[in-house]
């Protein structure tokens, strides 16, 4: 039996309660927003809004991305904005987040609806953001979402900003590839020991799992909708999300993540299998939760012509 002290110590939950709150020490922003922060530093003009503009953050989550974009604006501009956020499955305690957002802008509306339904109804937006969520949208609806976003933006000035790490090219180097392959094997071994029918799980993943697009397909779909792509300049210009092993530990709290990685499996069981597999991988390689596991990330800034 493995002694407890030989296992990697779990991350300090007081400093990293959830993935959305895990801070990247290099940029000082949450890990999931670090790629967008790097784009902002290079092109701050993409993030400017005129007074009185409407901003829609789709899939608001815990409002990390919403506050990130609002923080980039002068307070005087922020107080004049019409803010719209939408989230089909808001977390517990979201009412307080809504109250905080309401205090930052001139007007605020929240919709407990799917991305497609709200985007098509909220017109005349100066900015629509789809941050770390578009990969959760089924493929056919994903294409519609991009087209509807185009229709809902103001001509000539409206921008769509997308960020996702769920792309075919997400693996940045051999170390991450080897770790991911080992973790996948450990997860399936743990699932089998826990009584999960892994053959059925594989079949469900094929039919219900995340459909990842290549960078080329994202850029083509966005261009086909009528957008002018301002960033990236080419399909090889990817950003890096500075994830660590701790990121994988924390994301196991996310039900939407587990719904797609363990479709049809009880949430508590799926979380337990994931975390035990990760701990086993780290222990076997004498690593801890700070081990870097960066992910290539696509950030797109597109303007409506």
C-alpha atoms as a PDB file:
ATOM      1  CA  UNK A   1       0.000   0.000   0.000  1.00  0.00           C
ATOM      2  CA  UNK A   2       1.265   3.503  -0.865  1.00  0.00           C
ATOM      3  CA  UNK A   3       1.875   5.655   2.171  1.00  0.00           C
ATOM      4  CA  UNK A   4      -0.126   8.889   2.146  1.00  0.00           C
ATOM      5  CA  UNK A   5       2.963  11.057   2.558  1.00  0.00           C
ATOM      6  CA  UNK A   6       4.332   9.711  -0.729  1.00  0.00           C
ATOM      7  CA  UNK A   7       1.387  11.103  -2.693  1.00  0.00           C
ATOM      8  CA  UNK A   8       1.591  14.657  -4.087  1.00  0.00           C
ATOM      9  CA  UNK A   9      -0.029  17.114  -1.713  1.00  0.00           C
ATOM     10  CA  UNK A  10      -3.308  18.438  -3.071  1.00  0.00           C
ATOM     11  CA  UNK A  11      -3.381  22.130  -4.062  1.00  0.00           C
ATOM     12  CA  UNK A  12      -4.223  24.617  -1.354  1.00  0.00           C
ATOM     13  CA  UNK A  13      -7.933  25.241  -1.915  1.00  0.00           C
ATOM     14  CA  UNK A  14      -7.709  28.500   0.044  1.00  0.00           C
ATOM     15  CA  UNK A  15      -5.650  30.032  -2.760  1.00  0.00           C
ATOM     16  CA  UNK A  16      -7.080  28.110  -5.724  1.00  0.00           C
ATOM     17  CA  UNK A  17     -10.700  27.255  -5.072  1.00  0.00           C
ATOM     18  CA  UNK A  18     -11.650  26.698  -8.699  1.00  0.00           C
ATOM     19  CA  UNK A  19     -10.075  26.733 -12.130  1.00  0.00           C
ATOM     20  CA  UNK A  20     -11.726  30.082 -12.925  1.00  0.00           C
ATOM     21  CA  UNK A  21      -9.892  31.598  -9.938  1.00  0.00           C
ATOM     22  CA  UNK A  22      -6.463  30.025 -10.510  1.00  0.00           C
ATOM     23  CA  UNK A  23      -4.121  32.976 -11.124  1.00  0.00           C
ATOM     24  CA  UNK A  24      -1.304  32.892 -13.665  1.00  0.00           C
ATOM     25  CA  UNK A  25       1.720  34.440 -11.906  1.00  0.00           C
ATOM     26  CA  UNK A  26       3.164  35.712 -15.204  1.00  0.00           C
ATOM     27  CA  UNK A  27       0.198  37.886 -16.245  1.00  0.00           C
ATOM     28  CA  UNK A  28      -1.602  38.263 -12.908  1.00  0.00           C
ATOM     29  CA  UNK A  29      -4.954  37.192 -14.375  1.00  0.00           C
ATOM     30  CA  UNK A  30      -6.857  33.876 -14.171  1.00  0.00           C
ATOM     31  CA  UNK A  31      -5.190  31.102 -16.159  1.00  0.00           C
ATOM     32  CA  UNK A  32      -8.112  30.810 -18.568  1.00  0.00           C
ATOM     33  CA  UNK A  33      -7.881  34.519 -19.436  1.00  0.00           C
ATOM     34  CA  UNK A  34      -4.091  34.722 -19.781  1.00  0.00           C
ATOM     35  CA  UNK A  35      -4.116  34.219 -23.590  1.00  0.00           C
ATOM     36  CA  UNK A  36      -6.589  37.098 -23.991  1.00  0.00           C
ATOM     37  CA  UNK A  37      -4.490  39.293 -21.696  1.00  0.00           C
ATOM     38  CA  UNK A  38      -1.506  38.776 -23.999  1.00  0.00           C
ATOM     39  CA  UNK A  39      -3.593  39.816 -27.019  1.00  0.00           C
ATOM     40  CA  UNK A  40      -4.775  42.899 -25.095  1.00  0.00           C
ATOM     41  CA  UNK A  41      -1.210  43.939 -24.337  1.00  0.00           C
ATOM     42  CA  UNK A  42      -0.373  43.766 -28.031  1.00  0.00           C
ATOM     43  CA  UNK A  43      -3.643  45.229 -29.367  1.00  0.00           C
ATOM     44  CA  UNK A  44      -5.494  47.301 -26.731  1.00  0.00           C
ATOM     45  CA  UNK A  45      -7.548  48.905 -29.503  1.00  0.00           C
ATOM     46  CA  UNK A  46      -9.485  45.651 -29.914  1.00  0.00           C
ATOM     47  CA  UNK A  47     -10.883  46.048 -26.393  1.00  0.00           C
ATOM     48  CA  UNK A  48     -12.106  49.656 -26.546  1.00  0.00           C
ATOM     49  CA  UNK A  49     -15.790  50.552 -26.486  1.00  0.00           C
ATOM     50  CA  UNK A  50     -17.527  53.874 -27.089  1.00  0.00           C
ATOM     51  CA  UNK A  51     -19.729  55.345 -24.345  1.00  0.00           C
ATOM     52  CA  UNK A  52     -23.239  53.919 -24.442  1.00  0.00           C
ATOM     53  CA  UNK A  53     -22.229  50.693 -26.183  1.00  0.00           C
ATOM     54  CA  UNK A  54     -23.841  47.305 -25.631  1.00  0.00           C
ATOM     55  CA  UNK A  55     -21.643  44.386 -24.550  1.00  0.00           C
ATOM     56  CA  UNK A  56     -22.849  40.776 -24.445  1.00  0.00           C
ATOM     57  CA  UNK A  57     -20.748  38.149 -22.644  1.00  0.00           C
ATOM     58  CA  UNK A  58     -22.085  34.737 -23.667  1.00  0.00           C
ATOM     59  CA  UNK A  59     -21.674  31.850 -21.234  1.00  0.00           C
ATOM     60  CA  UNK A  60     -20.839  34.176 -18.382  1.00  0.00           C
ATOM     61  CA  UNK A  61     -19.977  31.459 -15.829  1.00  0.00           C
ATOM     62  CA  UNK A  62     -18.738  33.238 -12.706  1.00  0.00           C
ATOM     63  CA  UNK A  63     -18.310  36.519 -14.634  1.00  0.00           C
ATOM     64  CA  UNK A  64     -14.526  36.294 -14.720  1.00  0.00           C
ATOM     65  CA  UNK A  65     -14.388  37.186 -18.412  1.00  0.00           C
ATOM     66  CA  UNK A  66     -17.080  39.857 -18.008  1.00  0.00           C
ATOM     67  CA  UNK A  67     -15.142  41.672 -15.313  1.00  0.00           C
ATOM     68  CA  UNK A  68     -11.913  41.169 -17.255  1.00  0.00           C
ATOM     69  CA  UNK A  69     -13.295  43.100 -20.235  1.00  0.00           C
ATOM     70  CA  UNK A  70     -14.975  45.757 -18.081  1.00  0.00           C
ATOM     71  CA  UNK A  71     -11.674  46.321 -16.255  1.00  0.00           C
ATOM     72  CA  UNK A  72     -10.043  47.250 -19.586  1.00  0.00           C
ATOM     73  CA  UNK A  73     -12.365  50.255 -19.969  1.00  0.00           C
ATOM     74  CA  UNK A  74     -12.151  53.695 -18.343  1.00  0.00           C
ATOM     75  CA  UNK A  75     -14.613  53.871 -15.407  1.00  0.00           C
ATOM     76  CA  UNK A  76     -16.471  56.693 -17.131  1.00  0.00           C
ATOM     77  CA  UNK A  77     -17.153  54.514 -20.177  1.00  0.00           C
ATOM     78  CA  UNK A  78     -17.985  51.447 -18.107  1.00  0.00           C
ATOM     79  CA  UNK A  79     -20.738  53.320 -16.254  1.00  0.00           C
ATOM     80  CA  UNK A  80     -22.493  54.136 -19.570  1.00  0.00           C
ATOM     81  CA  UNK A  81     -22.615  50.580 -20.948  1.00  0.00           C
ATOM     82  CA  UNK A  82     -25.595  48.328 -21.543  1.00  0.00           C
ATOM     83  CA  UNK A  83     -24.389  44.922 -20.353  1.00  0.00           C
ATOM     84  CA  UNK A  84     -25.978  41.598 -21.275  1.00  0.00           C
ATOM     85  CA  UNK A  85     -24.839  38.230 -19.931  1.00  0.00           C
ATOM     86  CA  UNK A  86     -26.252  34.772 -20.512  1.00  0.00           C
ATOM     87  CA  UNK A  87     -25.693  31.359 -18.968  1.00  0.00           C
ATOM     88  CA  UNK A  88     -27.963  28.299 -19.307  1.00  0.00           C
ATOM     89  CA  UNK A  89     -26.757  26.723 -16.041  1.00  0.00           C
ATOM     90  CA  UNK A  90     -25.770  29.443 -13.539  1.00  0.00           C
ATOM     91  CA  UNK A  91     -23.859  28.323 -10.472  1.00  0.00           C
ATOM     92  CA  UNK A  92     -25.104  28.613  -6.922  1.00  0.00           C
ATOM     93  CA  UNK A  93     -24.667  32.154  -5.630  1.00  0.00           C
ATOM     94  CA  UNK A  94     -24.921  33.752  -9.076  1.00  0.00           C
ATOM     95  CA  UNK A  95     -27.432  36.312  -7.797  1.00  0.00           C
ATOM     96  CA  UNK A  96     -24.622  38.090  -5.922  1.00  0.00           C
ATOM     97  CA  UNK A  97     -22.496  38.145  -9.091  1.00  0.00           C
ATOM     98  CA  UNK A  98     -25.405  39.723 -10.997  1.00  0.00           C
ATOM     99  CA  UNK A  99     -25.759  42.391  -8.334  1.00  0.00           C
ATOM    100  CA  UNK A 100     -22.059  43.235  -8.591  1.00  0.00           C
ATOM    101  CA  UNK A 101     -22.217  43.489 -12.388  1.00  0.00           C
ATOM    102  CA  UNK A 102     -25.326  45.658 -12.198  1.00  0.00           C
ATOM    103  CA  UNK A 103     -23.392  48.135 -10.085  1.00  0.00           C
ATOM    104  CA  UNK A 104     -20.660  48.528 -12.695  1.00  0.00           C
ATOM    105  CA  UNK A 105     -22.769  49.575 -15.722  1.00  0.00           C
ATOM    106  CA  UNK A 106     -25.700  51.769 -16.752  1.00  0.00           C
ATOM    107  CA  UNK A 107     -28.039  48.850 -17.412  1.00  0.00           C
ATOM    108  CA  UNK A 108     -27.751  45.107 -16.983  1.00  0.00           C
ATOM    109  CA  UNK A 109     -29.739  42.091 -18.186  1.00  0.00           C
ATOM    110  CA  UNK A 110     -29.106  38.419 -17.423  1.00  0.00           C
ATOM    111  CA  UNK A 111     -30.688  35.560 -19.364  1.00  0.00           C
ATOM    112  CA  UNK A 112     -30.812  31.969 -18.170  1.00  0.00           C
ATOM    113  CA  UNK A 113     -30.842  30.717 -21.733  1.00  0.00           C
ATOM    114  CA  UNK A 114     -28.691  28.936 -24.295  1.00  0.00           C
ATOM    115  CA  UNK A 115     -26.051  30.892 -26.165  1.00  0.00           C
ATOM    116  CA  UNK A 116     -27.829  30.709 -29.517  1.00  0.00           C
ATOM    117  CA  UNK A 117     -31.208  31.842 -28.189  1.00  0.00           C
ATOM    118  CA  UNK A 118     -29.872  35.005 -26.528  1.00  0.00           C
ATOM    119  CA  UNK A 119     -27.337  35.993 -29.199  1.00  0.00           C
ATOM    120  CA  UNK A 120     -30.002  36.013 -31.906  1.00  0.00           C
ATOM    121  CA  UNK A 121     -32.330  38.190 -29.806  1.00  0.00           C
ATOM    122  CA  UNK A 122     -29.885  40.792 -28.451  1.00  0.00           C
ATOM    123  CA  UNK A 123     -29.139  43.119 -31.373  1.00  0.00           C
ATOM    124  CA  UNK A 124     -26.916  46.203 -31.875  1.00  0.00           C
ATOM    125  CA  UNK A 125     -24.000  44.943 -29.785  1.00  0.00           C
ATOM    126  CA  UNK A 126     -20.612  46.620 -30.026  1.00  0.00           C
ATOM    127  CA  UNK A 127     -18.924  43.573 -28.492  1.00  0.00           C
ATOM    128  CA  UNK A 128     -19.853  39.911 -28.142  1.00  0.00           C
ATOM    129  CA  UNK A 129     -17.464  37.605 -26.287  1.00  0.00           C
ATOM    130  CA  UNK A 130     -17.422  33.799 -26.342  1.00  0.00           C
ATOM    131  CA  UNK A 131     -14.728  32.971 -23.802  1.00  0.00           C
ATOM    132  CA  UNK A 132     -13.852  29.347 -23.040  1.00  0.00           C
ATOM    133  CA  UNK A 133     -17.329  28.177 -24.003  1.00  0.00           C
ATOM    134  CA  UNK A 134     -17.839  27.804 -27.771  1.00  0.00           C
ATOM    135  CA  UNK A 135     -16.492  24.237 -27.701  1.00  0.00           C
ATOM    136  CA  UNK A 136     -19.437  23.276 -25.467  1.00  0.00           C
ATOM    137  CA  UNK A 137     -21.902  24.255 -28.201  1.00  0.00           C
ATOM    138  CA  UNK A 138     -22.928  21.352 -30.496  1.00  0.00           C
ATOM    139  CA  UNK A 139     -21.286  21.604 -33.913  1.00  0.00           C
ATOM    140  CA  UNK A 140     -24.335  22.573 -35.980  1.00  0.00           C
ATOM    141  CA  UNK A 141     -25.406  25.159 -33.393  1.00  0.00           C
ATOM    142  CA  UNK A 142     -21.820  26.436 -33.233  1.00  0.00           C
ATOM    143  CA  UNK A 143     -21.967  27.456 -36.887  1.00  0.00           C
ATOM    144  CA  UNK A 144     -25.303  29.177 -36.311  1.00  0.00           C
ATOM    145  CA  UNK A 145     -23.933  30.939 -33.221  1.00  0.00           C
ATOM    146  CA  UNK A 146     -21.125  32.553 -35.220  1.00  0.00           C
ATOM    147  CA  UNK A 147     -23.554  33.663 -37.934  1.00  0.00           C
ATOM    148  CA  UNK A 148     -26.061  34.995 -35.394  1.00  0.00           C
ATOM    149  CA  UNK A 149     -23.296  36.902 -33.622  1.00  0.00           C
ATOM    150  CA  UNK A 150     -22.478  38.617 -36.914  1.00  0.00           C
ATOM    151  CA  UNK A 151     -26.124  39.624 -37.388  1.00  0.00           C
ATOM    152  CA  UNK A 152     -26.356  40.964 -33.815  1.00  0.00           C
ATOM    153  CA  UNK A 153     -23.277  43.206 -33.997  1.00  0.00           C
ATOM    154  CA  UNK A 154     -23.221  46.828 -35.082  1.00  0.00           C
ATOM    155  CA  UNK A 155     -21.977  47.217 -38.683  1.00  0.00           C
ATOM    156  CA  UNK A 156     -18.446  48.534 -39.092  1.00  0.00           C
ATOM    157  CA  UNK A 157     -17.543  48.624 -35.404  1.00  0.00           C
ATOM    158  CA  UNK A 158     -18.984  45.490 -33.793  1.00  0.00           C
ATOM    159  CA  UNK A 159     -16.448  42.883 -32.705  1.00  0.00           C
ATOM    160  CA  UNK A 160     -16.613  39.217 -31.809  1.00  0.00           C
ATOM    161  CA  UNK A 161     -13.903  37.848 -29.522  1.00  0.00           C
ATOM    162  CA  UNK A 162     -13.550  34.086 -29.165  1.00  0.00           C
ATOM    163  CA  UNK A 163     -11.106  32.158 -26.998  1.00  0.00           C
ATOM    164  CA  UNK A 164     -10.905  28.368 -26.814  1.00  0.00           C
ATOM    165  CA  UNK A 165      -8.235  25.821 -26.008  1.00  0.00           C
ATOM    166  CA  UNK A 166     -10.350  22.977 -27.422  1.00  0.00           C
ATOM    167  CA  UNK A 167      -8.739  22.902 -30.854  1.00  0.00           C
ATOM    168  CA  UNK A 168      -7.131  20.040 -32.737  1.00  0.00           C
ATOM    169  CA  UNK A 169      -3.739  21.683 -32.246  1.00  0.00           C
ATOM    170  CA  UNK A 170      -4.025  22.137 -28.464  1.00  0.00           C
ATOM    171  CA  UNK A 171      -0.944  20.038 -27.569  1.00  0.00           C
ATOM    172  CA  UNK A 172       2.126  22.349 -27.604  1.00  0.00           C
ATOM    173  CA  UNK A 173       4.977  19.888 -27.034  1.00  0.00           C
ATOM    174  CA  UNK A 174       5.986  16.244 -26.564  1.00  0.00           C
ATOM    175  CA  UNK A 175       6.003  16.421 -22.756  1.00  0.00           C
ATOM    176  CA  UNK A 176       2.349  17.455 -22.661  1.00  0.00           C
ATOM    177  CA  UNK A 177       1.468  14.790 -25.241  1.00  0.00           C
ATOM    178  CA  UNK A 178       3.103  12.033 -23.188  1.00  0.00           C
ATOM    179  CA  UNK A 179       1.514  13.237 -19.945  1.00  0.00           C
ATOM    180  CA  UNK A 180      -1.928  13.486 -21.541  1.00  0.00           C
ATOM    181  CA  UNK A 181      -1.676   9.994 -23.017  1.00  0.00           C
ATOM    182  CA  UNK A 182      -0.644   8.591 -19.644  1.00  0.00           C
ATOM    183  CA  UNK A 183      -3.424  10.461 -17.854  1.00  0.00           C
ATOM    184  CA  UNK A 184      -6.004   9.148 -20.316  1.00  0.00           C
ATOM    185  CA  UNK A 185      -4.874   5.578 -19.659  1.00  0.00           C
ATOM    186  CA  UNK A 186      -4.947   6.176 -15.894  1.00  0.00           C
ATOM    187  CA  UNK A 187      -8.467   7.632 -16.101  1.00  0.00           C
ATOM    188  CA  UNK A 188      -9.808   4.663 -18.043  1.00  0.00           C
ATOM    189  CA  UNK A 189      -8.092   2.210 -15.693  1.00  0.00           C
ATOM    190  CA  UNK A 190      -9.641   3.982 -12.717  1.00  0.00           C
ATOM    191  CA  UNK A 191     -13.033   4.060 -14.391  1.00  0.00           C
ATOM    192  CA  UNK A 192     -12.888   0.316 -15.025  1.00  0.00           C
ATOM    193  CA  UNK A 193     -11.916  -0.392 -11.406  1.00  0.00           C
ATOM    194  CA  UNK A 194     -14.882   1.739 -10.302  1.00  0.00           C
ATOM    195  CA  UNK A 195     -17.292  -0.396 -12.279  1.00  0.00           C
ATOM    196  CA  UNK A 196     -17.739   1.907 -15.267  1.00  0.00           C
ATOM    197  CA  UNK A 197     -18.449   0.143 -18.553  1.00  0.00           C
ATOM    198  CA  UNK A 198     -15.545   1.697 -20.446  1.00  0.00           C
ATOM    199  CA  UNK A 199     -16.634   0.316 -23.816  1.00  0.00           C
ATOM    200  CA  UNK A 200     -19.968   2.103 -23.473  1.00  0.00           C
ATOM    201  CA  UNK A 201     -18.139   5.207 -22.281  1.00  0.00           C
ATOM    202  CA  UNK A 202     -15.998   5.226 -25.428  1.00  0.00           C
ATOM    203  CA  UNK A 203     -19.132   4.941 -27.578  1.00  0.00           C
ATOM    204  CA  UNK A 204     -20.812   7.794 -25.703  1.00  0.00           C
ATOM    205  CA  UNK A 205     -17.705   9.954 -26.089  1.00  0.00           C
ATOM    206  CA  UNK A 206     -17.871   9.418 -29.837  1.00  0.00           C
ATOM    207  CA  UNK A 207     -21.488  10.550 -29.972  1.00  0.00           C
ATOM    208  CA  UNK A 208     -21.689  13.009 -27.050  1.00  0.00           C
ATOM    209  CA  UNK A 209     -18.118  14.179 -26.438  1.00  0.00           C
ATOM    210  CA  UNK A 210     -16.688  17.539 -27.424  1.00  0.00           C
ATOM    211  CA  UNK A 211     -16.263  18.103 -31.151  1.00  0.00           C
ATOM    212  CA  UNK A 212     -13.005  19.985 -31.596  1.00  0.00           C
ATOM    213  CA  UNK A 213     -12.344  22.047 -34.688  1.00  0.00           C
ATOM    214  CA  UNK A 214      -8.959  22.846 -36.149  1.00  0.00           C
ATOM    215  CA  UNK A 215      -7.739  26.440 -36.112  1.00  0.00           C
ATOM    216  CA  UNK A 216      -8.258  26.531 -39.872  1.00  0.00           C
ATOM    217  CA  UNK A 217     -11.899  25.497 -39.539  1.00  0.00           C
ATOM    218  CA  UNK A 218     -12.603  28.138 -36.880  1.00  0.00           C
ATOM    219  CA  UNK A 219     -11.087  30.865 -39.051  1.00  0.00           C
ATOM    220  CA  UNK A 220     -12.924  29.647 -42.148  1.00  0.00           C
ATOM    221  CA  UNK A 221     -16.288  29.488 -40.362  1.00  0.00           C
ATOM    222  CA  UNK A 222     -15.817  32.975 -38.924  1.00  0.00           C
ATOM    223  CA  UNK A 223     -14.790  34.340 -42.316  1.00  0.00           C
ATOM    224  CA  UNK A 224     -17.735  32.652 -44.041  1.00  0.00           C
ATOM    225  CA  UNK A 225     -20.094  34.450 -41.646  1.00  0.00           C
ATOM    226  CA  UNK A 226     -18.845  37.755 -43.085  1.00  0.00           C
ATOM    227  CA  UNK A 227     -16.310  38.822 -40.462  1.00  0.00           C
ATOM    228  CA  UNK A 228     -12.972  40.473 -41.095  1.00  0.00           C
ATOM    229  CA  UNK A 229     -10.472  38.619 -38.899  1.00  0.00           C
ATOM    230  CA  UNK A 230      -8.224  41.138 -37.170  1.00  0.00           C
ATOM    231  CA  UNK A 231      -6.389  38.567 -35.036  1.00  0.00           C
ATOM    232  CA  UNK A 232      -4.649  36.162 -35.526  1.00  0.00           C
ATOM    233  CA  UNK A 233      -2.766  37.107 -38.672  1.00  0.00           C
ATOM    234  CA  UNK A 234      -2.361  33.423 -39.571  1.00  0.00           C
ATOM    235  CA  UNK A 235      -3.564  30.007 -38.419  1.00  0.00           C
ATOM    236  CA  UNK A 236      -0.157  29.320 -36.848  1.00  0.00           C
ATOM    237  CA  UNK A 237      -0.416  32.280 -34.443  1.00  0.00           C
ATOM    238  CA  UNK A 238      -1.592  30.548 -31.281  1.00  0.00           C
ATOM    239  CA  UNK A 239      -1.506  31.767 -27.711  1.00  0.00           C
ATOM    240  CA  UNK A 240      -0.657  29.609 -24.688  1.00  0.00           C
ATOM    241  CA  UNK A 241      -2.901  28.914 -21.727  1.00  0.00           C
ATOM    242  CA  UNK A 242      -0.465  28.382 -18.813  1.00  0.00           C
ATOM    243  CA  UNK A 243      -2.204  25.397 -17.242  1.00  0.00           C
ATOM    244  CA  UNK A 244      -0.569  23.224 -14.603  1.00  0.00           C
ATOM    245  CA  UNK A 245      -1.449  19.874 -13.079  1.00  0.00           C
ATOM    246  CA  UNK A 246      -3.394  21.902 -10.524  1.00  0.00           C
ATOM    247  CA  UNK A 247      -5.585  23.162 -13.377  1.00  0.00           C
ATOM    248  CA  UNK A 248      -6.602  19.583 -14.160  1.00  0.00           C
ATOM    249  CA  UNK A 249      -7.365  18.982 -10.469  1.00  0.00           C
ATOM    250  CA  UNK A 250      -9.514  22.099 -10.230  1.00  0.00           C
ATOM    251  CA  UNK A 251     -11.414  21.645 -13.505  1.00  0.00           C
ATOM    252  CA  UNK A 252     -12.770  18.399 -12.069  1.00  0.00           C
ATOM    253  CA  UNK A 253     -15.151  20.595 -10.028  1.00  0.00           C
ATOM    254  CA  UNK A 254     -16.779  21.749 -13.271  1.00  0.00           C
ATOM    255  CA  UNK A 255     -19.912  19.742 -14.041  1.00  0.00           C
ATOM    256  CA  UNK A 256     -20.024  20.857 -17.683  1.00  0.00           C
ATOM    257  CA  UNK A 257     -16.449  19.633 -18.152  1.00  0.00           C
ATOM    258  CA  UNK A 258     -17.233  16.233 -16.639  1.00  0.00           C
ATOM    259  CA  UNK A 259     -20.504  15.966 -18.571  1.00  0.00           C
ATOM    260  CA  UNK A 260     -18.421  15.967 -21.746  1.00  0.00           C
ATOM    261  CA  UNK A 261     -15.459  13.893 -20.535  1.00  0.00           C
ATOM    262  CA  UNK A 262     -17.632  11.358 -18.655  1.00  0.00           C
ATOM    263  CA  UNK A 263     -21.022  11.504 -20.418  1.00  0.00           C
ATOM    264  CA  UNK A 264     -23.646   9.555 -18.517  1.00  0.00           C
ATOM    265  CA  UNK A 265     -21.423   9.026 -15.452  1.00  0.00           C
ATOM    266  CA  UNK A 266     -22.331  10.317 -11.983  1.00  0.00           C
ATOM    267  CA  UNK A 267     -20.625  13.668 -11.320  1.00  0.00           C
ATOM    268  CA  UNK A 268     -19.141  12.681  -7.938  1.00  0.00           C
ATOM    269  CA  UNK A 269     -17.761   9.432  -9.334  1.00  0.00           C
ATOM    270  CA  UNK A 270     -16.321  11.135 -12.418  1.00  0.00           C
ATOM    271  CA  UNK A 271     -14.604  13.758 -10.254  1.00  0.00           C
ATOM    272  CA  UNK A 272     -13.155  11.085  -7.977  1.00  0.00           C
ATOM    273  CA  UNK A 273     -11.837   9.021 -10.909  1.00  0.00           C
ATOM    274  CA  UNK A 274     -10.255  12.090 -12.535  1.00  0.00           C
ATOM    275  CA  UNK A 275      -8.512  13.304  -9.417  1.00  0.00           C
ATOM    276  CA  UNK A 276      -7.242   9.892  -8.397  1.00  0.00           C
ATOM    277  CA  UNK A 277      -5.852   9.285 -11.903  1.00  0.00           C
ATOM    278  CA  UNK A 278      -4.085  12.649 -11.849  1.00  0.00           C
ATOM    279  CA  UNK A 279      -2.593  12.022  -8.403  1.00  0.00           C
ATOM    280  CA  UNK A 280      -1.395   8.611  -9.552  1.00  0.00           C
ATOM    281  CA  UNK A 281       0.260  10.107 -12.629  1.00  0.00           C
ATOM    282  CA  UNK A 282       2.045  12.766 -10.600  1.00  0.00           C
ATOM    283  CA  UNK A 283       3.164  10.294  -7.965  1.00  0.00           C
ATOM    284  CA  UNK A 284       4.501   7.861 -10.568  1.00  0.00           C
ATOM    285  CA  UNK A 285       6.614  10.603 -12.129  1.00  0.00           C
ATOM    286  CA  UNK A 286       7.639  12.243  -8.849  1.00  0.00           C
ATOM    287  CA  UNK A 287       5.881  15.499  -9.818  1.00  0.00           C
ATOM    288  CA  UNK A 288       3.597  17.878  -7.942  1.00  0.00           C
ATOM    289  CA  UNK A 289       0.598  20.004  -8.863  1.00  0.00           C
ATOM    290  CA  UNK A 290       2.774  22.873 -10.097  1.00  0.00           C
ATOM    291  CA  UNK A 291       3.961  20.757 -13.045  1.00  0.00           C
ATOM    292  CA  UNK A 292       3.385  22.839 -16.217  1.00  0.00           C
ATOM    293  CA  UNK A 293       0.894  21.464 -18.728  1.00  0.00           C
ATOM    294  CA  UNK A 294       0.377  24.398 -21.130  1.00  0.00           C
ATOM    295  CA  UNK A 295      -2.320  24.255 -23.805  1.00  0.00           C
ATOM    296  CA  UNK A 296      -2.262  25.973 -27.172  1.00  0.00           C
ATOM    297  CA  UNK A 297      -5.189  28.369 -27.316  1.00  0.00           C
ATOM    298  CA  UNK A 298      -6.942  30.094 -30.188  1.00  0.00           C
ATOM    299  CA  UNK A 299      -7.931  33.719 -29.617  1.00  0.00           C
ATOM    300  CA  UNK A 300      -9.868  35.317 -32.476  1.00  0.00           C
ATOM    301  CA  UNK A 301     -10.821  38.972 -32.797  1.00  0.00           C
ATOM    302  CA  UNK A 302     -13.197  39.551 -35.710  1.00  0.00           C
ATOM    303  CA  UNK A 303     -14.961  42.725 -36.856  1.00  0.00           C
ATOM    304  CA  UNK A 304     -18.304  43.036 -38.613  1.00  0.00           C
ATOM    305  CA  UNK A 305     -17.835  44.848 -41.906  1.00  0.00           C
END
